[in-house]
Amino acid sequence: MLITLEEIRRVLADYEPQLAAAGSKQRAAVALLLHQCRDGLQIFFIERASHPRDPWSGNLAFPGGRVDPEDADEQAAAERETREEVGLQLKRDWCIGRLDDIHGAYLPIQVACFVYRIPVMPQLSPNEEVTDCFWFPCDDLLDPSRHGEISLHWQGRLRTARAIDLLGPGRPVLWGITYRLVTQLLVLLGCWDRERLQIMDD
């Protein structure tokens, strides 16, 4: 199965995301960015800079962050954070949909995810919060050899987590909240078996 922008647009146009009710949890928002290249659809990730006070320090992620009081809503926060972190000014009409809100597995936070098509490959200017940023072929997310389970020390405890190896040996893997958002999109596209935690057979 090939992942196409048109299929994602079609699926999201008919989808009603499950939104978290307002509550005591901190709110955050991220932007899932897609760009159609000649060689296929690409998805954008950042590698967060290491910081002792950041619980997601060093992780692979989508651009985004906590919703500030001055943000009009979660989407405004996702757009502001993307501008601050990588220098990309998102346009509202680039947004093609929204995924289900998710709750942090270990921290009291709820995350909104907005999906954008990026019409032209942008020039990016990562700030000090970002160690690296890169585009990744969406079709490679379907490679079963990239999917597995990892053990990691997080918040002072040894944990296991499902993950996707995007960058190879010695580099961070995709896990946690961003992993859950990526696999949520794959479920909507019909190419991820949520129960078996694996790529669907053709």
N, C-alpha and C. Protein backbone atom coordinates (compact mmCIF):
# COMPACT_ATOMS: atom_id res chain seq x y z
N MET A 1 0.84 -1.20 0.00
CA MET A 1 0.00 0.00 0.00
C MET A 1 0.87 1.24 0.00
N LEU A 2 0.55 2.21 -0.86
CA LEU A 2 1.23 3.48 -0.87
C LEU A 2 0.37 4.52 -0.17
N ILE A 3 1.01 5.35 0.64
CA ILE A 3 0.30 6.41 1.34
C ILE A 3 0.32 7.66 0.47
N THR A 4 -0.84 8.19 0.15
CA THR A 4 -0.93 9.36 -0.71
C THR A 4 -1.60 10.51 0.03
N LEU A 5 -1.27 11.71 -0.40
CA LEU A 5 -1.89 12.89 0.19
C LEU A 5 -3.38 12.91 -0.08
N GLU A 6 -3.77 12.51 -1.27
CA GLU A 6 -5.19 12.52 -1.61
C GLU A 6 -5.98 11.57 -0.72
N GLU A 7 -5.40 10.40 -0.41
CA GLU A 7 -6.10 9.45 0.45
C GLU A 7 -6.23 10.01 1.87
N ILE A 8 -5.17 10.65 2.36
CA ILE A 8 -5.24 11.25 3.69
C ILE A 8 -6.29 12.36 3.73
N ARG A 9 -6.32 13.19 2.69
CA ARG A 9 -7.32 14.25 2.64
C ARG A 9 -8.73 13.67 2.62
N ARG A 10 -8.92 12.61 1.85
CA ARG A 10 -10.25 11.99 1.76
C ARG A 10 -10.68 11.42 3.11
N VAL A 11 -9.77 10.72 3.76
CA VAL A 11 -10.10 10.10 5.05
C VAL A 11 -10.40 11.16 6.11
N LEU A 12 -9.57 12.19 6.18
CA LEU A 12 -9.75 13.20 7.21
C LEU A 12 -10.98 14.07 6.96
N ALA A 13 -11.34 14.25 5.68
CA ALA A 13 -12.51 15.08 5.37
C ALA A 13 -13.79 14.48 5.95
N ASP A 14 -13.82 13.15 6.05
CA ASP A 14 -15.01 12.47 6.56
C ASP A 14 -14.89 12.09 8.04
N TYR A 15 -13.78 12.44 8.66
CA TYR A 15 -13.52 11.96 10.01
C TYR A 15 -13.91 12.99 11.06
N GLU A 16 -14.57 12.54 12.11
CA GLU A 16 -14.91 13.39 13.24
C GLU A 16 -14.02 13.00 14.41
N PRO A 17 -12.97 13.78 14.68
CA PRO A 17 -12.03 13.40 15.74
C PRO A 17 -12.66 13.46 17.12
N GLN A 18 -12.18 12.60 17.99
CA GLN A 18 -12.63 12.61 19.38
C GLN A 18 -11.79 13.63 20.14
N LEU A 19 -12.44 14.67 20.64
CA LEU A 19 -11.76 15.76 21.31
C LEU A 19 -11.88 15.62 22.81
N ALA A 20 -10.79 15.92 23.49
CA ALA A 20 -10.77 15.80 24.95
C ALA A 20 -11.60 16.92 25.58
N ALA A 21 -12.34 16.59 26.61
CA ALA A 21 -13.10 17.60 27.34
C ALA A 21 -12.15 18.48 28.12
N ALA A 22 -12.53 19.73 28.31
CA ALA A 22 -11.71 20.64 29.11
C ALA A 22 -11.59 20.09 30.52
N GLY A 23 -10.38 20.17 31.07
CA GLY A 23 -10.17 19.64 32.41
C GLY A 23 -8.92 20.23 33.02
N SER A 24 -8.39 19.52 33.99
CA SER A 24 -7.25 20.03 34.74
C SER A 24 -5.91 19.73 34.07
N LYS A 25 -5.91 18.86 33.06
CA LYS A 25 -4.65 18.51 32.41
C LYS A 25 -4.13 19.68 31.58
N GLN A 26 -2.80 19.78 31.52
CA GLN A 26 -2.20 20.77 30.65
C GLN A 26 -2.52 20.42 29.20
N ARG A 27 -2.68 21.46 28.39
CA ARG A 27 -3.00 21.26 26.98
C ARG A 27 -1.78 21.55 26.13
N ALA A 28 -1.62 20.76 25.08
CA ALA A 28 -0.55 20.97 24.11
C ALA A 28 -1.12 20.71 22.73
N ALA A 29 -0.41 21.19 21.72
CA ALA A 29 -0.86 21.00 20.34
C ALA A 29 0.35 20.85 19.44
N VAL A 30 0.21 20.00 18.43
CA VAL A 30 1.30 19.75 17.48
C VAL A 30 0.76 19.83 16.06
N ALA A 31 1.70 19.98 15.12
CA ALA A 31 1.36 20.05 13.70
C ALA A 31 2.02 18.88 12.98
N LEU A 32 1.20 18.06 12.34
CA LEU A 32 1.69 16.96 11.50
C LEU A 32 1.76 17.50 10.08
N LEU A 33 2.96 17.63 9.55
CA LEU A 33 3.19 18.28 8.27
C LEU A 33 3.47 17.24 7.19
N LEU A 34 2.82 17.39 6.04
CA LEU A 34 2.98 16.48 4.91
C LEU A 34 3.35 17.27 3.67
N HIS A 35 4.29 16.73 2.90
CA HIS A 35 4.68 17.38 1.64
C HIS A 35 4.80 16.32 0.55
N GLN A 36 4.14 16.58 -0.57
CA GLN A 36 4.18 15.65 -1.69
C GLN A 36 5.40 15.95 -2.56
N CYS A 37 6.36 15.03 -2.54
CA CYS A 37 7.55 15.15 -3.39
C CYS A 37 7.36 14.30 -4.64
N ARG A 38 8.29 14.44 -5.57
CA ARG A 38 8.25 13.62 -6.77
C ARG A 38 8.34 12.14 -6.43
N ASP A 39 9.10 11.82 -5.39
CA ASP A 39 9.32 10.42 -5.01
C ASP A 39 8.27 9.89 -4.04
N GLY A 40 7.31 10.70 -3.65
CA GLY A 40 6.28 10.22 -2.74
C GLY A 40 5.99 11.22 -1.63
N LEU A 41 5.07 10.85 -0.77
CA LEU A 41 4.65 11.72 0.31
C LEU A 41 5.65 11.67 1.46
N GLN A 42 5.96 12.84 2.03
CA GLN A 42 6.91 12.95 3.12
C GLN A 42 6.21 13.51 4.36
N ILE A 43 6.69 13.07 5.53
CA ILE A 43 6.18 13.54 6.81
C ILE A 43 7.34 14.16 7.59
N PHE A 44 7.05 15.21 8.35
CA PHE A 44 8.10 16.01 8.98
C PHE A 44 8.23 15.70 10.46
N PHE A 45 9.49 15.56 10.91
CA PHE A 45 9.78 15.34 12.32
C PHE A 45 10.88 16.29 12.78
N ILE A 46 10.89 16.57 14.07
CA ILE A 46 12.01 17.27 14.69
C ILE A 46 12.62 16.37 15.75
N GLU A 47 13.89 16.62 16.05
CA GLU A 47 14.54 16.00 17.20
C GLU A 47 14.71 17.09 18.24
N ARG A 48 14.06 16.93 19.37
CA ARG A 48 14.10 17.95 20.40
C ARG A 48 15.48 18.01 21.05
N ALA A 49 15.91 19.22 21.36
CA ALA A 49 17.20 19.41 22.03
C ALA A 49 17.14 18.83 23.44
N SER A 50 18.28 18.39 23.93
CA SER A 50 18.36 17.84 25.29
C SER A 50 18.28 18.97 26.31
N HIS A 51 17.39 18.81 27.27
CA HIS A 51 17.22 19.80 28.32
C HIS A 51 16.75 19.09 29.58
N PRO A 52 17.41 19.30 30.71
CA PRO A 52 17.06 18.54 31.92
C PRO A 52 15.64 18.78 32.43
N ARG A 53 15.03 19.91 32.08
CA ARG A 53 13.68 20.22 32.57
C ARG A 53 12.59 19.83 31.58
N ASP A 54 12.98 19.28 30.43
CA ASP A 54 12.01 18.91 29.41
C ASP A 54 11.79 17.40 29.44
N PRO A 55 10.58 16.93 29.79
CA PRO A 55 10.35 15.49 29.85
C PRO A 55 10.47 14.79 28.50
N TRP A 56 10.37 15.56 27.40
CA TRP A 56 10.52 14.98 26.06
C TRP A 56 11.88 15.30 25.45
N SER A 57 12.82 15.63 26.29
CA SER A 57 14.17 16.00 25.86
C SER A 57 14.77 14.93 24.96
N GLY A 58 15.26 15.35 23.79
CA GLY A 58 15.93 14.45 22.87
C GLY A 58 15.03 13.56 22.04
N ASN A 59 13.72 13.65 22.22
CA ASN A 59 12.79 12.78 21.50
C ASN A 59 12.55 13.27 20.07
N LEU A 60 12.15 12.35 19.20
CA LEU A 60 11.60 12.71 17.90
C LEU A 60 10.14 13.10 18.10
N ALA A 61 9.71 14.12 17.37
CA ALA A 61 8.37 14.67 17.62
C ALA A 61 7.90 15.44 16.40
N PHE A 62 6.64 15.86 16.45
CA PHE A 62 6.13 16.87 15.54
C PHE A 62 6.38 18.23 16.19
N PRO A 63 6.54 19.29 15.39
CA PRO A 63 6.64 20.62 16.01
C PRO A 63 5.37 20.93 16.80
N GLY A 64 5.56 21.55 17.95
CA GLY A 64 4.41 21.87 18.79
C GLY A 64 4.84 22.06 20.23
N GLY A 65 3.87 22.31 21.07
CA GLY A 65 4.18 22.54 22.48
C GLY A 65 2.92 22.89 23.25
N ARG A 66 3.12 23.41 24.44
CA ARG A 66 2.01 23.71 25.33
C ARG A 66 1.19 24.90 24.81
N VAL A 67 -0.09 24.86 25.08
CA VAL A 67 -0.98 25.96 24.72
C VAL A 67 -0.79 27.08 25.74
N ASP A 68 -0.45 28.27 25.25
CA ASP A 68 -0.26 29.43 26.11
C ASP A 68 -1.58 30.18 26.29
N PRO A 69 -1.69 30.95 27.38
CA PRO A 69 -2.94 31.70 27.61
C PRO A 69 -3.30 32.64 26.47
N GLU A 70 -2.29 33.18 25.78
CA GLU A 70 -2.58 34.12 24.70
C GLU A 70 -2.97 33.44 23.39
N ASP A 71 -2.84 32.12 23.30
CA ASP A 71 -3.25 31.40 22.09
C ASP A 71 -4.77 31.36 22.00
N ALA A 72 -5.30 31.64 20.82
CA ALA A 72 -6.75 31.64 20.65
C ALA A 72 -7.35 30.26 20.85
N ASP A 73 -6.62 29.23 20.43
CA ASP A 73 -7.09 27.85 20.58
C ASP A 73 -5.90 26.92 20.36
N GLU A 74 -6.16 25.61 20.38
CA GLU A 74 -5.08 24.65 20.20
C GLU A 74 -4.41 24.78 18.84
N GLN A 75 -5.20 25.03 17.80
CA GLN A 75 -4.60 25.14 16.47
C GLN A 75 -3.68 26.35 16.39
N ALA A 76 -4.07 27.45 17.00
CA ALA A 76 -3.19 28.62 17.03
C ALA A 76 -1.89 28.30 17.75
N ALA A 77 -1.97 27.49 18.80
CA ALA A 77 -0.76 27.11 19.52
C ALA A 77 0.15 26.25 18.66
N ALA A 78 -0.43 25.29 17.92
CA ALA A 78 0.37 24.45 17.03
C ALA A 78 1.07 25.29 15.96
N GLU A 79 0.36 26.27 15.42
CA GLU A 79 0.94 27.12 14.39
C GLU A 79 2.02 28.03 14.96
N ARG A 80 1.79 28.57 16.15
CA ARG A 80 2.81 29.42 16.79
C ARG A 80 4.06 28.62 17.10
N GLU A 81 3.89 27.43 17.67
CA GLU A 81 5.04 26.62 18.03
C GLU A 81 5.83 26.20 16.79
N THR A 82 5.15 25.90 15.70
CA THR A 82 5.84 25.53 14.46
C THR A 82 6.67 26.71 13.94
N ARG A 83 6.10 27.90 14.01
CA ARG A 83 6.83 29.10 13.59
C ARG A 83 8.04 29.32 14.48
N GLU A 84 7.88 29.18 15.79
CA GLU A 84 8.99 29.42 16.71
C GLU A 84 10.07 28.36 16.59
N GLU A 85 9.67 27.10 16.43
CA GLU A 85 10.65 26.01 16.47
C GLU A 85 11.40 25.82 15.17
N VAL A 86 10.73 25.98 14.03
CA VAL A 86 11.42 25.72 12.75
C VAL A 86 11.28 26.85 11.74
N GLY A 87 10.64 27.96 12.12
CA GLY A 87 10.56 29.11 11.23
C GLY A 87 9.56 28.96 10.10
N LEU A 88 8.59 28.06 10.23
CA LEU A 88 7.60 27.85 9.18
C LEU A 88 6.27 28.46 9.61
N GLN A 89 5.79 29.42 8.81
CA GLN A 89 4.49 30.05 9.07
C GLN A 89 3.41 29.25 8.36
N LEU A 90 2.63 28.51 9.12
CA LEU A 90 1.56 27.71 8.54
C LEU A 90 0.37 28.58 8.18
N LYS A 91 -0.27 28.26 7.07
CA LYS A 91 -1.50 28.94 6.68
C LYS A 91 -2.69 28.06 7.07
N ARG A 92 -3.74 28.70 7.55
CA ARG A 92 -4.88 27.95 8.05
C ARG A 92 -5.50 27.08 6.95
N ASP A 93 -5.49 27.58 5.69
CA ASP A 93 -6.11 26.77 4.64
C ASP A 93 -5.24 25.61 4.18
N TRP A 94 -4.04 25.47 4.76
CA TRP A 94 -3.24 24.27 4.51
C TRP A 94 -3.69 23.11 5.39
N CYS A 95 -4.48 23.40 6.40
CA CYS A 95 -4.90 22.35 7.33
C CYS A 95 -5.95 21.46 6.66
N ILE A 96 -5.72 20.15 6.69
CA ILE A 96 -6.63 19.22 6.02
C ILE A 96 -7.38 18.33 7.01
N GLY A 97 -7.15 18.54 8.30
CA GLY A 97 -7.90 17.74 9.27
C GLY A 97 -7.24 17.70 10.62
N ARG A 98 -7.85 16.93 11.49
CA ARG A 98 -7.38 16.81 12.87
C ARG A 98 -7.52 15.35 13.31
N LEU A 99 -6.56 14.88 14.08
CA LEU A 99 -6.62 13.55 14.66
C LEU A 99 -7.31 13.60 16.02
N ASP A 100 -7.59 12.43 16.58
CA ASP A 100 -8.13 12.38 17.94
C ASP A 100 -7.14 13.00 18.92
N ASP A 101 -7.65 13.74 19.88
CA ASP A 101 -6.80 14.18 20.99
C ASP A 101 -6.33 12.95 21.76
N ILE A 102 -5.11 13.01 22.28
CA ILE A 102 -4.62 11.91 23.09
C ILE A 102 -4.12 12.44 24.43
N HIS A 103 -4.09 11.56 25.40
CA HIS A 103 -3.62 11.90 26.74
C HIS A 103 -2.25 11.27 26.96
N GLY A 104 -1.37 11.99 27.65
CA GLY A 104 -0.07 11.44 27.98
C GLY A 104 -0.21 10.17 28.80
N ALA A 105 0.63 9.18 28.50
CA ALA A 105 0.56 7.91 29.22
C ALA A 105 1.11 8.05 30.64
N TYR A 106 2.08 8.95 30.84
CA TYR A 106 2.73 9.06 32.14
C TYR A 106 2.67 10.46 32.72
N LEU A 107 2.29 11.45 31.91
CA LEU A 107 2.22 12.83 32.38
C LEU A 107 0.81 13.37 32.16
N PRO A 108 0.33 14.28 33.03
CA PRO A 108 -1.03 14.82 32.90
C PRO A 108 -1.12 15.88 31.82
N ILE A 109 -1.17 15.44 30.56
CA ILE A 109 -1.24 16.37 29.45
C ILE A 109 -2.15 15.79 28.38
N GLN A 110 -2.88 16.66 27.69
CA GLN A 110 -3.69 16.24 26.55
C GLN A 110 -3.19 16.98 25.31
N VAL A 111 -3.09 16.25 24.20
CA VAL A 111 -2.43 16.77 23.01
C VAL A 111 -3.39 16.75 21.83
N ALA A 112 -3.50 17.89 21.15
CA ALA A 112 -4.27 18.00 19.91
C ALA A 112 -3.30 17.96 18.74
N CYS A 113 -3.70 17.31 17.65
CA CYS A 113 -2.82 17.19 16.48
C CYS A 113 -3.57 17.63 15.23
N PHE A 114 -3.02 18.63 14.55
CA PHE A 114 -3.60 19.17 13.33
C PHE A 114 -2.71 18.79 12.15
N VAL A 115 -3.34 18.36 11.06
CA VAL A 115 -2.63 17.85 9.89
C VAL A 115 -2.62 18.91 8.80
N TYR A 116 -1.42 19.20 8.27
CA TYR A 116 -1.26 20.23 7.24
C TYR A 116 -0.58 19.66 6.01
N ARG A 117 -1.03 20.10 4.86
CA ARG A 117 -0.29 19.85 3.62
C ARG A 117 0.61 21.05 3.38
N ILE A 118 1.85 20.81 3.07
CA ILE A 118 2.80 21.88 2.79
C ILE A 118 3.03 21.91 1.29
N PRO A 119 2.53 22.92 0.57
CA PRO A 119 2.54 22.88 -0.90
C PRO A 119 3.92 22.97 -1.52
N VAL A 120 4.83 23.70 -0.88
CA VAL A 120 6.18 23.89 -1.42
C VAL A 120 7.17 23.56 -0.32
N MET A 121 8.22 22.81 -0.66
CA MET A 121 9.24 22.47 0.34
C MET A 121 9.83 23.75 0.92
N PRO A 122 9.68 23.98 2.22
CA PRO A 122 10.08 25.27 2.81
C PRO A 122 11.54 25.30 3.22
N GLN A 123 12.07 26.52 3.34
CA GLN A 123 13.35 26.74 3.99
C GLN A 123 13.08 26.85 5.49
N LEU A 124 13.78 26.05 6.27
CA LEU A 124 13.50 26.00 7.70
C LEU A 124 14.65 26.58 8.51
N SER A 125 14.31 27.15 9.66
CA SER A 125 15.31 27.75 10.55
C SER A 125 15.05 27.24 11.97
N PRO A 126 15.56 26.05 12.30
CA PRO A 126 15.32 25.51 13.64
C PRO A 126 15.91 26.40 14.73
N ASN A 127 15.18 26.55 15.84
CA ASN A 127 15.69 27.34 16.95
C ASN A 127 16.45 26.46 17.93
N GLU A 128 16.78 27.01 19.09
CA GLU A 128 17.61 26.30 20.06
C GLU A 128 16.90 25.11 20.70
N GLU A 129 15.59 25.02 20.52
CA GLU A 129 14.85 23.89 21.08
C GLU A 129 14.92 22.65 20.19
N VAL A 130 15.49 22.79 19.00
CA VAL A 130 15.49 21.72 18.01
C VAL A 130 16.92 21.37 17.62
N THR A 131 17.31 20.11 17.84
CA THR A 131 18.64 19.65 17.44
C THR A 131 18.70 19.33 15.96
N ASP A 132 17.63 18.77 15.43
CA ASP A 132 17.61 18.34 14.03
C ASP A 132 16.16 18.34 13.56
N CYS A 133 15.98 18.42 12.24
CA CYS A 133 14.65 18.26 11.66
C CYS A 133 14.82 17.60 10.30
N PHE A 134 13.81 16.84 9.89
CA PHE A 134 13.97 16.09 8.65
C PHE A 134 12.60 15.66 8.13
N TRP A 135 12.56 15.42 6.82
CA TRP A 135 11.39 14.84 6.16
C TRP A 135 11.65 13.35 5.98
N PHE A 136 10.60 12.55 6.15
CA PHE A 136 10.74 11.10 6.10
C PHE A 136 9.67 10.53 5.17
N PRO A 137 10.03 9.56 4.32
CA PRO A 137 9.04 8.99 3.39
C PRO A 137 7.91 8.28 4.14
N CYS A 138 6.69 8.67 3.88
CA CYS A 138 5.55 8.05 4.57
C CYS A 138 5.48 6.55 4.29
N ASP A 139 5.80 6.14 3.07
CA ASP A 139 5.72 4.72 2.75
C ASP A 139 6.67 3.89 3.60
N ASP A 140 7.78 4.47 4.04
CA ASP A 140 8.73 3.73 4.88
C ASP A 140 8.17 3.47 6.28
N LEU A 141 7.12 4.20 6.66
CA LEU A 141 6.46 3.90 7.93
C LEU A 141 5.79 2.53 7.91
N LEU A 142 5.58 1.98 6.71
CA LEU A 142 4.93 0.69 6.56
C LEU A 142 5.93 -0.47 6.51
N ASP A 143 7.20 -0.18 6.66
CA ASP A 143 8.23 -1.23 6.65
C ASP A 143 8.22 -1.96 7.99
N PRO A 144 7.80 -3.23 8.02
CA PRO A 144 7.71 -3.94 9.31
C PRO A 144 9.02 -4.01 10.06
N SER A 145 10.15 -4.00 9.35
CA SER A 145 11.44 -4.11 10.03
C SER A 145 11.77 -2.88 10.86
N ARG A 146 11.06 -1.79 10.63
CA ARG A 146 11.30 -0.57 11.41
C ARG A 146 10.52 -0.56 12.73
N HIS A 147 9.56 -1.45 12.87
CA HIS A 147 8.67 -1.46 14.03
C HIS A 147 9.16 -2.47 15.05
N GLY A 148 9.09 -2.09 16.32
CA GLY A 148 9.51 -3.01 17.36
C GLY A 148 9.23 -2.45 18.74
N GLU A 149 9.86 -3.05 19.72
CA GLU A 149 9.71 -2.64 21.11
C GLU A 149 11.07 -2.25 21.67
N ILE A 150 11.10 -1.20 22.47
CA ILE A 150 12.35 -0.74 23.06
C ILE A 150 12.23 -0.71 24.57
N SER A 151 13.37 -0.75 25.23
CA SER A 151 13.45 -0.50 26.67
C SER A 151 14.19 0.80 26.87
N LEU A 152 13.71 1.65 27.76
CA LEU A 152 14.35 2.94 27.95
C LEU A 152 14.13 3.41 29.38
N HIS A 153 15.08 4.22 29.84
CA HIS A 153 14.93 4.88 31.14
C HIS A 153 14.23 6.21 30.90
N TRP A 154 13.10 6.39 31.54
CA TRP A 154 12.33 7.63 31.37
C TRP A 154 11.67 7.97 32.69
N GLN A 155 11.87 9.23 33.11
CA GLN A 155 11.33 9.71 34.38
C GLN A 155 11.78 8.81 35.53
N GLY A 156 13.05 8.37 35.44
CA GLY A 156 13.65 7.61 36.53
C GLY A 156 13.26 6.15 36.61
N ARG A 157 12.57 5.64 35.59
CA ARG A 157 12.15 4.24 35.60
C ARG A 157 12.49 3.57 34.28
N LEU A 158 12.73 2.26 34.34
CA LEU A 158 12.93 1.47 33.13
C LEU A 158 11.56 1.10 32.57
N ARG A 159 11.33 1.46 31.31
CA ARG A 159 10.03 1.20 30.69
C ARG A 159 10.24 0.50 29.35
N THR A 160 9.19 -0.13 28.86
CA THR A 160 9.18 -0.66 27.51
C THR A 160 8.13 0.11 26.71
N ALA A 161 8.39 0.26 25.42
CA ALA A 161 7.48 1.02 24.58
C ALA A 161 7.58 0.54 23.15
N ARG A 162 6.47 0.64 22.42
CA ARG A 162 6.50 0.40 20.99
C ARG A 162 7.18 1.58 20.31
N ALA A 163 7.88 1.30 19.21
CA ALA A 163 8.67 2.36 18.57
C ALA A 163 8.85 2.06 17.09
N ILE A 164 9.22 3.10 16.35
CA ILE A 164 9.57 2.98 14.94
C ILE A 164 10.98 3.53 14.77
N ASP A 165 11.85 2.75 14.14
CA ASP A 165 13.23 3.18 13.88
C ASP A 165 13.25 3.96 12.57
N LEU A 166 13.36 5.27 12.67
CA LEU A 166 13.36 6.13 11.49
C LEU A 166 14.76 6.39 10.96
N LEU A 167 15.74 6.51 11.86
CA LEU A 167 17.05 7.06 11.50
C LEU A 167 18.20 6.08 11.57
N GLY A 168 17.97 4.89 12.09
CA GLY A 168 19.03 3.90 12.13
C GLY A 168 19.80 3.87 13.43
N PRO A 169 20.84 3.02 13.48
CA PRO A 169 21.59 2.80 14.72
C PRO A 169 22.18 4.09 15.30
N GLY A 170 22.11 4.19 16.61
CA GLY A 170 22.71 5.33 17.30
C GLY A 170 21.89 6.59 17.30
N ARG A 171 20.71 6.56 16.68
CA ARG A 171 19.85 7.75 16.62
C ARG A 171 18.57 7.48 17.40
N PRO A 172 17.88 8.55 17.81
CA PRO A 172 16.63 8.36 18.55
C PRO A 172 15.59 7.62 17.70
N VAL A 173 14.72 6.88 18.36
CA VAL A 173 13.60 6.23 17.68
C VAL A 173 12.32 7.00 17.98
N LEU A 174 11.32 6.75 17.19
CA LEU A 174 10.02 7.39 17.38
C LEU A 174 9.19 6.56 18.35
N TRP A 175 8.81 7.16 19.48
CA TRP A 175 8.00 6.46 20.47
C TRP A 175 7.12 7.48 21.18
N GLY A 176 6.32 7.00 22.11
CA GLY A 176 5.53 7.90 22.95
C GLY A 176 4.38 8.56 22.21
N ILE A 177 4.12 9.81 22.55
CA ILE A 177 2.96 10.53 22.02
C ILE A 177 3.00 10.61 20.50
N THR A 178 4.15 10.95 19.93
CA THR A 178 4.23 11.09 18.48
C THR A 178 4.04 9.75 17.78
N TYR A 179 4.59 8.69 18.35
CA TYR A 179 4.35 7.34 17.83
C TYR A 179 2.85 7.05 17.81
N ARG A 180 2.16 7.38 18.88
CA ARG A 180 0.72 7.11 18.96
C ARG A 180 -0.06 7.91 17.91
N LEU A 181 0.37 9.14 17.63
CA LEU A 181 -0.29 9.94 16.60
C LEU A 181 -0.03 9.37 15.21
N VAL A 182 1.20 8.95 14.95
CA VAL A 182 1.53 8.36 13.65
C VAL A 182 0.71 7.10 13.42
N THR A 183 0.67 6.22 14.41
CA THR A 183 -0.08 4.97 14.22
C THR A 183 -1.58 5.23 14.17
N GLN A 184 -2.05 6.29 14.83
CA GLN A 184 -3.46 6.65 14.70
C GLN A 184 -3.79 6.99 13.25
N LEU A 185 -2.92 7.74 12.59
CA LEU A 185 -3.14 8.06 11.18
C LEU A 185 -3.10 6.80 10.33
N LEU A 186 -2.16 5.90 10.62
CA LEU A 186 -2.08 4.66 9.85
C LEU A 186 -3.34 3.81 10.04
N VAL A 187 -3.91 3.81 11.24
CA VAL A 187 -5.17 3.10 11.48
C VAL A 187 -6.28 3.69 10.61
N LEU A 188 -6.38 5.01 10.55
CA LEU A 188 -7.41 5.65 9.74
C LEU A 188 -7.26 5.32 8.27
N LEU A 189 -6.01 5.13 7.83
CA LEU A 189 -5.75 4.80 6.43
C LEU A 189 -5.94 3.32 6.14
N GLY A 190 -6.19 2.53 7.19
CA GLY A 190 -6.42 1.11 7.00
C GLY A 190 -5.17 0.29 6.80
N CYS A 191 -4.02 0.80 7.21
CA CYS A 191 -2.77 0.06 7.01
C CYS A 191 -2.05 -0.25 8.31
N TRP A 192 -2.77 -0.18 9.43
CA TRP A 192 -2.18 -0.52 10.73
C TRP A 192 -3.20 -1.29 11.54
N ASP A 193 -2.80 -2.45 12.04
CA ASP A 193 -3.66 -3.30 12.86
C ASP A 193 -3.47 -2.91 14.32
N ARG A 194 -4.43 -2.16 14.86
CA ARG A 194 -4.30 -1.66 16.22
C ARG A 194 -4.24 -2.80 17.24
N GLU A 195 -4.96 -3.88 16.98
CA GLU A 195 -4.99 -4.98 17.94
C GLU A 195 -3.69 -5.78 17.93
N ARG A 196 -3.17 -6.04 16.75
CA ARG A 196 -1.96 -6.85 16.63
C ARG A 196 -0.69 -6.00 16.66
N LEU A 197 -0.86 -4.67 16.66
CA LEU A 197 0.27 -3.74 16.71
C LEU A 197 1.26 -4.03 15.59
N GLN A 198 0.74 -4.12 14.38
CA GLN A 198 1.62 -4.36 13.25
C GLN A 198 0.98 -3.84 11.98
N ILE A 199 1.81 -3.77 10.92
CA ILE A 199 1.34 -3.34 9.61
C ILE A 199 0.33 -4.36 9.09
N MET A 200 -0.75 -3.85 8.48
CA MET A 200 -1.75 -4.74 7.91
C MET A 200 -1.17 -5.46 6.70
N ASP A 201 -1.56 -6.73 6.53
CA ASP A 201 -1.18 -7.48 5.33
C ASP A 201 -1.92 -6.90 4.14
N ASP A 202 -1.25 -6.95 2.98
CA ASP A 202 -1.91 -6.48 1.75
C ASP A 202 -3.09 -7.39 1.40
